[in-house]
Amino acid sequence: MRAETVEQLFVRRRGGRVELLVMLETPSGERQRETLLAPTASPDQAMHYAARQLARRGLRLGPRLRVRREQGSSLVDDPGLKRAFLGAWPAAREDDEPWA
């Protein structure tokens, strides 16, 4: 079944860039994982990249969306990155040009 909802984003640095583990959910409740490697070292820019990639696929945002970043060996919620992702989402949804 095809995933429809973005539930969580896990953000970490990988090789000078930002890697995002995206948790998606299907209508039946099944969870799927997907990895995006953003073409930037900036977590804020990576949020814009992720919003564009995910919104263009027609995905929706989960009601309890979480954005967590790796800090040492643990994960912490990052409200600033969540705001950056949510702020980029509407513009990404409107950008429906497939070649852009």
C-alpha atoms as a PDB file:
ATOM      1  CA  MET A   1       0.000   0.000   0.000  1.00  0.00           C
ATOM      2  CA  ARG A   2       1.211   3.499  -0.795  1.00  0.00           C
ATOM      3  CA  ALA A   3       2.156   5.819   2.063  1.00  0.00           C
ATOM      4  CA  GLU A   4       0.160   9.035   2.265  1.00  0.00           C
ATOM      5  CA  THR A   5       1.168  10.812   5.475  1.00  0.00           C
ATOM      6  CA  VAL A   6       4.444  12.224   6.801  1.00  0.00           C
ATOM      7  CA  GLU A   7       4.583  11.387  10.520  1.00  0.00           C
ATOM      8  CA  GLN A   8       8.198  12.043  11.581  1.00  0.00           C
ATOM      9  CA  LEU A   9      11.488  13.409  10.296  1.00  0.00           C
ATOM     10  CA  PHE A  10      14.799  12.442  11.870  1.00  0.00           C
ATOM     11  CA  VAL A  11      17.646  14.809  11.029  1.00  0.00           C
ATOM     12  CA  ARG A  12      21.342  14.026  11.228  1.00  0.00           C
ATOM     13  CA  ARG A  13      24.592  15.054   9.616  1.00  0.00           C
ATOM     14  CA  ARG A  14      26.139  12.583   7.226  1.00  0.00           C
ATOM     15  CA  GLY A  15      29.319  13.252   5.269  1.00  0.00           C
ATOM     16  CA  GLY A  16      29.034  17.051   5.332  1.00  0.00           C
ATOM     17  CA  ARG A  17      25.376  16.984   4.331  1.00  0.00           C
ATOM     18  CA  VAL A  18      22.069  16.506   6.093  1.00  0.00           C
ATOM     19  CA  GLU A  19      20.397  13.107   5.999  1.00  0.00           C
ATOM     20  CA  LEU A  20      16.689  12.819   6.726  1.00  0.00           C
ATOM     21  CA  LEU A  21      14.963   9.630   7.767  1.00  0.00           C
ATOM     22  CA  VAL A  22      11.296  10.089   6.918  1.00  0.00           C
ATOM     23  CA  MET A  23       8.602   8.016   8.615  1.00  0.00           C
ATOM     24  CA  LEU A  24       5.556   7.667   6.396  1.00  0.00           C
ATOM     25  CA  GLU A  25       2.202   6.069   7.187  1.00  0.00           C
ATOM     26  CA  THR A  26      -0.251   4.273   4.926  1.00  0.00           C
ATOM     27  CA  PRO A  27      -4.041   4.581   5.329  1.00  0.00           C
ATOM     28  CA  SER A  28      -4.045   1.169   7.054  1.00  0.00           C
ATOM     29  CA  GLY A  29      -1.529   2.397   9.658  1.00  0.00           C
ATOM     30  CA  GLU A  30       1.551   0.648   8.266  1.00  0.00           C
ATOM     31  CA  ARG A  31       4.760   2.621   8.715  1.00  0.00           C
ATOM     32  CA  GLN A  32       7.368   2.966   5.982  1.00  0.00           C
ATOM     33  CA  ARG A  33      10.843   4.477   6.182  1.00  0.00           C
ATOM     34  CA  GLU A  34      12.564   6.476   3.517  1.00  0.00           C
ATOM     35  CA  THR A  35      15.918   8.257   3.513  1.00  0.00           C
ATOM     36  CA  LEU A  36      16.553  11.605   1.814  1.00  0.00           C
ATOM     37  CA  LEU A  37      20.064  13.026   1.500  1.00  0.00           C
ATOM     38  CA  ALA A  38      19.724  16.787   1.191  1.00  0.00           C
ATOM     39  CA  PRO A  39      22.180  18.579  -1.100  1.00  0.00           C
ATOM     40  CA  THR A  40      23.154  20.948   1.710  1.00  0.00           C
ATOM     41  CA  ALA A  41      24.891  21.061   5.080  1.00  0.00           C
ATOM     42  CA  SER A  42      22.275  23.451   6.477  1.00  0.00           C
ATOM     43  CA  PRO A  43      19.475  21.786   8.474  1.00  0.00           C
ATOM     44  CA  ASP A  44      17.113  24.685   7.648  1.00  0.00           C
ATOM     45  CA  GLN A  45      17.748  24.328   3.916  1.00  0.00           C
ATOM     46  CA  ALA A  46      17.362  20.568   4.270  1.00  0.00           C
ATOM     47  CA  MET A  47      13.855  21.154   5.675  1.00  0.00           C
ATOM     48  CA  HIS A  48      12.944  23.161   2.571  1.00  0.00           C
ATOM     49  CA  TYR A  49      14.374  20.414   0.370  1.00  0.00           C
ATOM     50  CA  ALA A  50      12.427  17.721   2.220  1.00  0.00           C
ATOM     51  CA  ALA A  51       9.177  19.721   2.083  1.00  0.00           C
ATOM     52  CA  ARG A  52       9.528  20.119  -1.664  1.00  0.00           C
ATOM     53  CA  GLN A  53      10.371  16.458  -2.298  1.00  0.00           C
ATOM     54  CA  LEU A  54       7.566  15.113  -0.113  1.00  0.00           C
ATOM     55  CA  ALA A  55       4.862  17.621  -1.070  1.00  0.00           C
ATOM     56  CA  ARG A  56       5.431  17.021  -4.793  1.00  0.00           C
ATOM     57  CA  ARG A  57       4.548  13.368  -4.213  1.00  0.00           C
ATOM     58  CA  GLY A  58       1.131  14.388  -2.917  1.00  0.00           C
ATOM     59  CA  LEU A  59       1.812  13.379   0.675  1.00  0.00           C
ATOM     60  CA  ARG A  60      -0.033  14.942   3.603  1.00  0.00           C
ATOM     61  CA  LEU A  61       1.256  16.009   6.994  1.00  0.00           C
ATOM     62  CA  GLY A  62       0.322  13.919  10.012  1.00  0.00           C
ATOM     63  CA  PRO A  63      -1.584  15.685  12.799  1.00  0.00           C
ATOM     64  CA  ARG A  64       1.226  14.996  15.294  1.00  0.00           C
ATOM     65  CA  LEU A  65       4.204  15.594  13.006  1.00  0.00           C
ATOM     66  CA  ARG A  66       7.534  15.415  14.858  1.00  0.00           C
ATOM     67  CA  VAL A  67      10.914  16.665  13.706  1.00  0.00           C
ATOM     68  CA  ARG A  68      13.784  15.277  15.742  1.00  0.00           C
ATOM     69  CA  ARG A  69      17.492  15.792  15.338  1.00  0.00           C
ATOM     70  CA  GLU A  70      20.381  13.666  16.415  1.00  0.00           C
ATOM     71  CA  GLN A  71      22.278  15.147  19.356  1.00  0.00           C
ATOM     72  CA  GLY A  72      25.140  12.941  20.398  1.00  0.00           C
ATOM     73  CA  SER A  73      23.668   9.482  20.809  1.00  0.00           C
ATOM     74  CA  SER A  74      20.098  10.641  21.422  1.00  0.00           C
ATOM     75  CA  LEU A  75      17.245  12.306  19.543  1.00  0.00           C
ATOM     76  CA  VAL A  76      15.685  15.612  20.600  1.00  0.00           C
ATOM     77  CA  ASP A  77      12.621  17.395  19.270  1.00  0.00           C
ATOM     78  CA  ASP A  78      13.605  20.503  17.310  1.00  0.00           C
ATOM     79  CA  PRO A  79      10.774  23.056  17.135  1.00  0.00           C
ATOM     80  CA  GLY A  80      12.854  25.400  14.934  1.00  0.00           C
ATOM     81  CA  LEU A  81      13.368  22.765  12.251  1.00  0.00           C
ATOM     82  CA  LYS A  82       9.713  21.791  12.488  1.00  0.00           C
ATOM     83  CA  ARG A  83       8.737  25.432  11.893  1.00  0.00           C
ATOM     84  CA  ALA A  84      11.106  25.578   8.883  1.00  0.00           C
ATOM     85  CA  PHE A  85       9.548  22.409   7.427  1.00  0.00           C
ATOM     86  CA  LEU A  86       5.968  23.562   8.025  1.00  0.00           C
ATOM     87  CA  GLY A  87       6.790  27.015   6.644  1.00  0.00           C
ATOM     88  CA  ALA A  88       8.141  25.518   3.413  1.00  0.00           C
ATOM     89  CA  TRP A  89       5.272  23.060   2.965  1.00  0.00           C
ATOM     90  CA  PRO A  90       2.579  25.401   1.497  1.00  0.00           C
ATOM     91  CA  ALA A  91       4.925  26.815  -1.160  1.00  0.00           C
ATOM     92  CA  ALA A  92       6.122  23.305  -2.006  1.00  0.00           C
ATOM     93  CA  ARG A  93       2.508  22.141  -2.448  1.00  0.00           C
ATOM     94  CA  GLU A  94       1.794  25.023  -4.824  1.00  0.00           C
ATOM     95  CA  ASP A  95       4.909  24.362  -6.922  1.00  0.00           C
ATOM     96  CA  ASP A  96       3.415  21.719  -9.155  1.00  0.00           C
ATOM     97  CA  GLU A  97       5.746  22.135 -12.118  1.00  0.00           C
ATOM     98  CA  PRO A  98       7.272  18.652 -12.511  1.00  0.00           C
ATOM     99  CA  TRP A  99      10.385  19.942 -14.229  1.00  0.00           C
ATOM    100  CA  ALA A 100      11.274  22.617 -11.630  1.00  0.00           C
END
